Amino acid sequence: MSRHKYPRLGSISAPQKALCSCCSYPAVNRIDIQEDHMRGNDEVMQVCDAHLIMARSADWKMLYRDFNEERARRRAFHAAQGKGDE
């Protein structure tokens, strides 16, 4: 059993995509959030400065709320774009 508390911030690296996963601002870093001790259960996000601060301060509730809202917004946008092609 691990002594670490989860979730926790894992590695921070250069962004792989242009936009933050949690909002529409440019991404400055890519973060790995370790959900538990099992490999493969990590969440990967591209984050802007504001969301990087949330991750570093372990404000997981706000970070995941913004992440889920932005993902739903982007999916709705792409679904609406796809309907116009038919």
N, C-alpha and C. Protein backbone atom coordinates (compact mmCIF):
# COMPACT_ATOMS: atom_id res chain seq x y z
N MET A 1 0.84 -1.19 0.00
CA MET A 1 0.00 0.00 0.00
C MET A 1 0.88 1.24 0.00
N SER A 2 0.49 2.20 -0.75
CA SER A 2 1.26 3.43 -0.89
C SER A 2 0.96 4.40 0.25
N ARG A 3 1.96 5.18 0.62
CA ARG A 3 1.78 6.19 1.65
C ARG A 3 1.33 7.52 1.07
N HIS A 4 1.27 7.61 -0.25
CA HIS A 4 0.88 8.85 -0.91
C HIS A 4 -0.63 9.06 -0.81
N LYS A 5 -1.03 10.33 -0.81
CA LYS A 5 -2.45 10.66 -0.86
C LYS A 5 -2.82 10.96 -2.30
N TYR A 6 -3.93 10.44 -2.74
CA TYR A 6 -4.37 10.59 -4.12
C TYR A 6 -5.69 11.33 -4.16
N PRO A 7 -5.98 12.05 -5.24
CA PRO A 7 -5.11 12.30 -6.39
C PRO A 7 -3.95 13.20 -6.02
N ARG A 8 -2.91 13.14 -6.84
CA ARG A 8 -1.75 14.00 -6.63
C ARG A 8 -1.15 14.36 -7.98
N LEU A 9 -0.44 15.47 -7.99
CA LEU A 9 0.18 15.95 -9.22
C LEU A 9 1.41 15.11 -9.52
N GLY A 10 1.46 14.60 -10.73
CA GLY A 10 2.62 13.81 -11.16
C GLY A 10 3.59 14.70 -11.90
N SER A 11 3.92 14.33 -13.11
CA SER A 11 4.92 15.09 -13.87
C SER A 11 4.30 16.30 -14.57
N ILE A 12 5.14 17.28 -14.81
CA ILE A 12 4.77 18.49 -15.55
C ILE A 12 5.74 18.59 -16.72
N SER A 13 5.21 18.75 -17.92
CA SER A 13 6.07 18.83 -19.11
C SER A 13 5.51 19.85 -20.10
N ALA A 14 6.17 19.97 -21.23
CA ALA A 14 5.74 20.90 -22.27
C ALA A 14 4.39 20.46 -22.83
N PRO A 15 3.54 21.42 -23.23
CA PRO A 15 2.21 21.05 -23.74
C PRO A 15 2.31 20.34 -25.10
N GLN A 16 1.36 19.45 -25.35
CA GLN A 16 1.31 18.74 -26.63
C GLN A 16 0.21 19.30 -27.53
N LYS A 17 -0.67 20.09 -26.96
CA LYS A 17 -1.75 20.71 -27.73
C LYS A 17 -1.78 22.20 -27.42
N ALA A 18 -2.47 22.96 -28.25
CA ALA A 18 -2.45 24.41 -28.14
C ALA A 18 -3.34 24.95 -27.03
N LEU A 19 -4.48 24.31 -26.78
CA LEU A 19 -5.45 24.86 -25.83
C LEU A 19 -5.46 24.11 -24.51
N CYS A 20 -5.80 24.84 -23.46
CA CYS A 20 -5.98 24.26 -22.14
C CYS A 20 -7.15 23.27 -22.19
N SER A 21 -7.05 22.18 -21.47
CA SER A 21 -8.13 21.18 -21.42
C SER A 21 -9.31 21.66 -20.59
N CYS A 22 -9.11 22.71 -19.81
CA CYS A 22 -10.13 23.18 -18.88
C CYS A 22 -10.77 24.51 -19.27
N CYS A 23 -10.22 25.18 -20.29
CA CYS A 23 -10.77 26.47 -20.74
C CYS A 23 -10.27 26.72 -22.17
N SER A 24 -10.49 27.91 -22.68
CA SER A 24 -10.10 28.20 -24.06
C SER A 24 -8.80 29.02 -24.15
N TYR A 25 -8.05 29.12 -23.05
CA TYR A 25 -6.77 29.83 -23.08
C TYR A 25 -5.65 28.91 -23.59
N PRO A 26 -4.55 29.48 -24.04
CA PRO A 26 -3.43 28.65 -24.51
C PRO A 26 -2.83 27.81 -23.38
N ALA A 27 -2.46 26.58 -23.70
CA ALA A 27 -1.83 25.69 -22.72
C ALA A 27 -0.37 26.06 -22.56
N VAL A 28 0.12 26.03 -21.32
CA VAL A 28 1.52 26.31 -21.04
C VAL A 28 2.25 25.07 -20.57
N ASN A 29 1.52 24.08 -20.05
CA ASN A 29 2.12 22.84 -19.58
C ASN A 29 1.17 21.67 -19.76
N ARG A 30 1.75 20.48 -19.75
CA ARG A 30 0.99 19.23 -19.73
C ARG A 30 1.22 18.62 -18.36
N ILE A 31 0.15 18.24 -17.68
CA ILE A 31 0.30 17.66 -16.35
C ILE A 31 -0.27 16.24 -16.32
N ASP A 32 0.30 15.42 -15.49
CA ASP A 32 -0.21 14.08 -15.21
C ASP A 32 -0.72 14.10 -13.78
N ILE A 33 -1.98 13.72 -13.61
CA ILE A 33 -2.56 13.64 -12.28
C ILE A 33 -2.70 12.16 -11.94
N GLN A 34 -2.02 11.74 -10.91
CA GLN A 34 -2.05 10.35 -10.50
C GLN A 34 -3.30 10.12 -9.64
N GLU A 35 -4.21 9.30 -10.16
CA GLU A 35 -5.48 9.03 -9.48
C GLU A 35 -5.33 8.04 -8.33
N ASP A 36 -4.47 7.04 -8.51
CA ASP A 36 -4.18 6.05 -7.48
C ASP A 36 -2.84 5.41 -7.78
N HIS A 37 -2.47 4.39 -7.04
CA HIS A 37 -1.14 3.79 -7.19
C HIS A 37 -1.01 2.91 -8.43
N MET A 38 -2.10 2.59 -9.09
CA MET A 38 -2.06 1.74 -10.27
C MET A 38 -1.57 2.51 -11.49
N ARG A 39 -0.68 1.90 -12.26
CA ARG A 39 -0.23 2.52 -13.51
C ARG A 39 -1.38 2.54 -14.50
N GLY A 40 -1.48 3.57 -15.26
CA GLY A 40 -2.52 3.68 -16.27
C GLY A 40 -3.77 4.39 -15.80
N ASN A 41 -3.86 4.69 -14.52
CA ASN A 41 -5.02 5.39 -14.00
C ASN A 41 -4.74 6.89 -13.85
N ASP A 42 -3.85 7.40 -14.65
CA ASP A 42 -3.50 8.82 -14.58
C ASP A 42 -4.37 9.62 -15.54
N GLU A 43 -4.67 10.84 -15.17
CA GLU A 43 -5.39 11.78 -16.03
C GLU A 43 -4.35 12.73 -16.59
N VAL A 44 -4.40 12.99 -17.89
CA VAL A 44 -3.46 13.90 -18.54
C VAL A 44 -4.23 15.11 -19.03
N MET A 45 -3.73 16.29 -18.70
CA MET A 45 -4.37 17.54 -19.10
C MET A 45 -3.33 18.52 -19.62
N GLN A 46 -3.75 19.30 -20.60
CA GLN A 46 -2.99 20.46 -21.04
C GLN A 46 -3.58 21.62 -20.25
N VAL A 47 -2.75 22.42 -19.59
CA VAL A 47 -3.29 23.45 -18.71
C VAL A 47 -2.68 24.82 -18.98
N CYS A 48 -3.48 25.85 -18.72
CA CYS A 48 -3.02 27.23 -18.76
C CYS A 48 -2.41 27.57 -17.39
N ASP A 49 -1.94 28.80 -17.23
CA ASP A 49 -1.34 29.21 -15.96
C ASP A 49 -2.31 29.07 -14.78
N ALA A 50 -3.55 29.50 -14.97
CA ALA A 50 -4.53 29.46 -13.87
C ALA A 50 -4.82 28.03 -13.43
N HIS A 51 -4.97 27.12 -14.39
CA HIS A 51 -5.28 25.74 -14.02
C HIS A 51 -4.04 24.99 -13.50
N LEU A 52 -2.85 25.43 -13.89
CA LEU A 52 -1.63 24.87 -13.32
C LEU A 52 -1.54 25.24 -11.84
N ILE A 53 -1.91 26.46 -11.51
CA ILE A 53 -1.93 26.89 -10.11
C ILE A 53 -2.92 26.04 -9.31
N MET A 54 -4.10 25.77 -9.89
CA MET A 54 -5.08 24.90 -9.22
C MET A 54 -4.50 23.52 -8.96
N ALA A 55 -3.82 22.95 -9.95
CA ALA A 55 -3.24 21.62 -9.79
C ALA A 55 -2.14 21.61 -8.73
N ARG A 56 -1.31 22.63 -8.74
CA ARG A 56 -0.22 22.70 -7.76
C ARG A 56 -0.75 22.88 -6.34
N SER A 57 -1.89 23.56 -6.20
CA SER A 57 -2.48 23.76 -4.87
C SER A 57 -3.45 22.63 -4.50
N ALA A 58 -3.56 21.62 -5.37
CA ALA A 58 -4.42 20.44 -5.14
C ALA A 58 -5.89 20.82 -5.01
N ASP A 59 -6.33 21.78 -5.81
CA ASP A 59 -7.74 22.16 -5.85
C ASP A 59 -8.43 21.29 -6.91
N TRP A 60 -8.53 20.00 -6.62
CA TRP A 60 -9.02 19.02 -7.59
C TRP A 60 -10.47 19.24 -7.96
N LYS A 61 -11.29 19.65 -7.01
CA LYS A 61 -12.72 19.83 -7.27
C LYS A 61 -12.94 20.88 -8.37
N MET A 62 -12.29 22.02 -8.25
CA MET A 62 -12.43 23.09 -9.24
C MET A 62 -11.79 22.69 -10.58
N LEU A 63 -10.64 22.05 -10.52
CA LEU A 63 -9.94 21.65 -11.74
C LEU A 63 -10.78 20.66 -12.54
N TYR A 64 -11.29 19.63 -11.89
CA TYR A 64 -12.11 18.63 -12.59
C TYR A 64 -13.45 19.21 -13.04
N ARG A 65 -14.01 20.15 -12.28
CA ARG A 65 -15.24 20.80 -12.72
C ARG A 65 -15.01 21.54 -14.02
N ASP A 66 -13.95 22.35 -14.08
CA ASP A 66 -13.63 23.09 -15.31
C ASP A 66 -13.31 22.13 -16.46
N PHE A 67 -12.58 21.05 -16.18
CA PHE A 67 -12.23 20.07 -17.19
C PHE A 67 -13.48 19.42 -17.79
N ASN A 68 -14.40 18.99 -16.94
CA ASN A 68 -15.62 18.33 -17.42
C ASN A 68 -16.54 19.29 -18.16
N GLU A 69 -16.66 20.52 -17.69
CA GLU A 69 -17.48 21.52 -18.39
C GLU A 69 -16.91 21.85 -19.77
N GLU A 70 -15.61 22.01 -19.85
CA GLU A 70 -14.98 22.34 -21.14
C GLU A 70 -15.09 21.16 -22.11
N ARG A 71 -14.91 19.96 -21.61
CA ARG A 71 -15.03 18.77 -22.46
C ARG A 71 -16.46 18.65 -23.00
N ALA A 72 -17.46 18.91 -22.16
CA ALA A 72 -18.85 18.85 -22.60
C ALA A 72 -19.13 19.95 -23.64
N ARG A 73 -18.59 21.14 -23.41
CA ARG A 73 -18.78 22.25 -24.36
C ARG A 73 -18.16 21.91 -25.71
N ARG A 74 -16.96 21.36 -25.71
CA ARG A 74 -16.29 21.02 -26.97
C ARG A 74 -17.00 19.89 -27.69
N ARG A 75 -17.49 18.90 -26.95
CA ARG A 75 -18.23 17.80 -27.59
C ARG A 75 -19.53 18.30 -28.21
N ALA A 76 -20.23 19.20 -27.53
CA ALA A 76 -21.47 19.77 -28.07
C ALA A 76 -21.17 20.57 -29.33
N PHE A 77 -20.09 21.33 -29.31
CA PHE A 77 -19.72 22.12 -30.47
C PHE A 77 -19.42 21.22 -31.67
N HIS A 78 -18.63 20.16 -31.44
CA HIS A 78 -18.28 19.26 -32.54
C HIS A 78 -19.49 18.47 -33.03
N ALA A 79 -20.39 18.12 -32.13
CA ALA A 79 -21.61 17.42 -32.54
C ALA A 79 -22.47 18.33 -33.41
N ALA A 80 -22.54 19.60 -33.06
CA ALA A 80 -23.32 20.55 -33.85
C ALA A 80 -22.67 20.76 -35.22
N GLN A 81 -21.35 20.76 -35.27
CA GLN A 81 -20.64 20.90 -36.54
C GLN A 81 -20.90 19.69 -37.45
N GLY A 82 -20.93 18.52 -36.86
CA GLY A 82 -21.15 17.30 -37.63
C GLY A 82 -22.55 17.21 -38.18
N LYS A 83 -23.53 17.74 -37.48
CA LYS A 83 -24.93 17.70 -37.94
C LYS A 83 -25.13 18.57 -39.17
N GLY A 84 -24.34 19.63 -39.30
CA GLY A 84 -24.48 20.52 -40.43
C GLY A 84 -23.96 19.92 -41.74
N ASP A 85 -23.14 18.87 -41.67
CA ASP A 85 -22.55 18.25 -42.84
C ASP A 85 -23.51 17.30 -43.55
N GLU A 86 -24.56 16.88 -42.87
CA GLU A 86 -25.47 15.87 -43.47
C GLU A 86 -26.43 16.46 -44.45
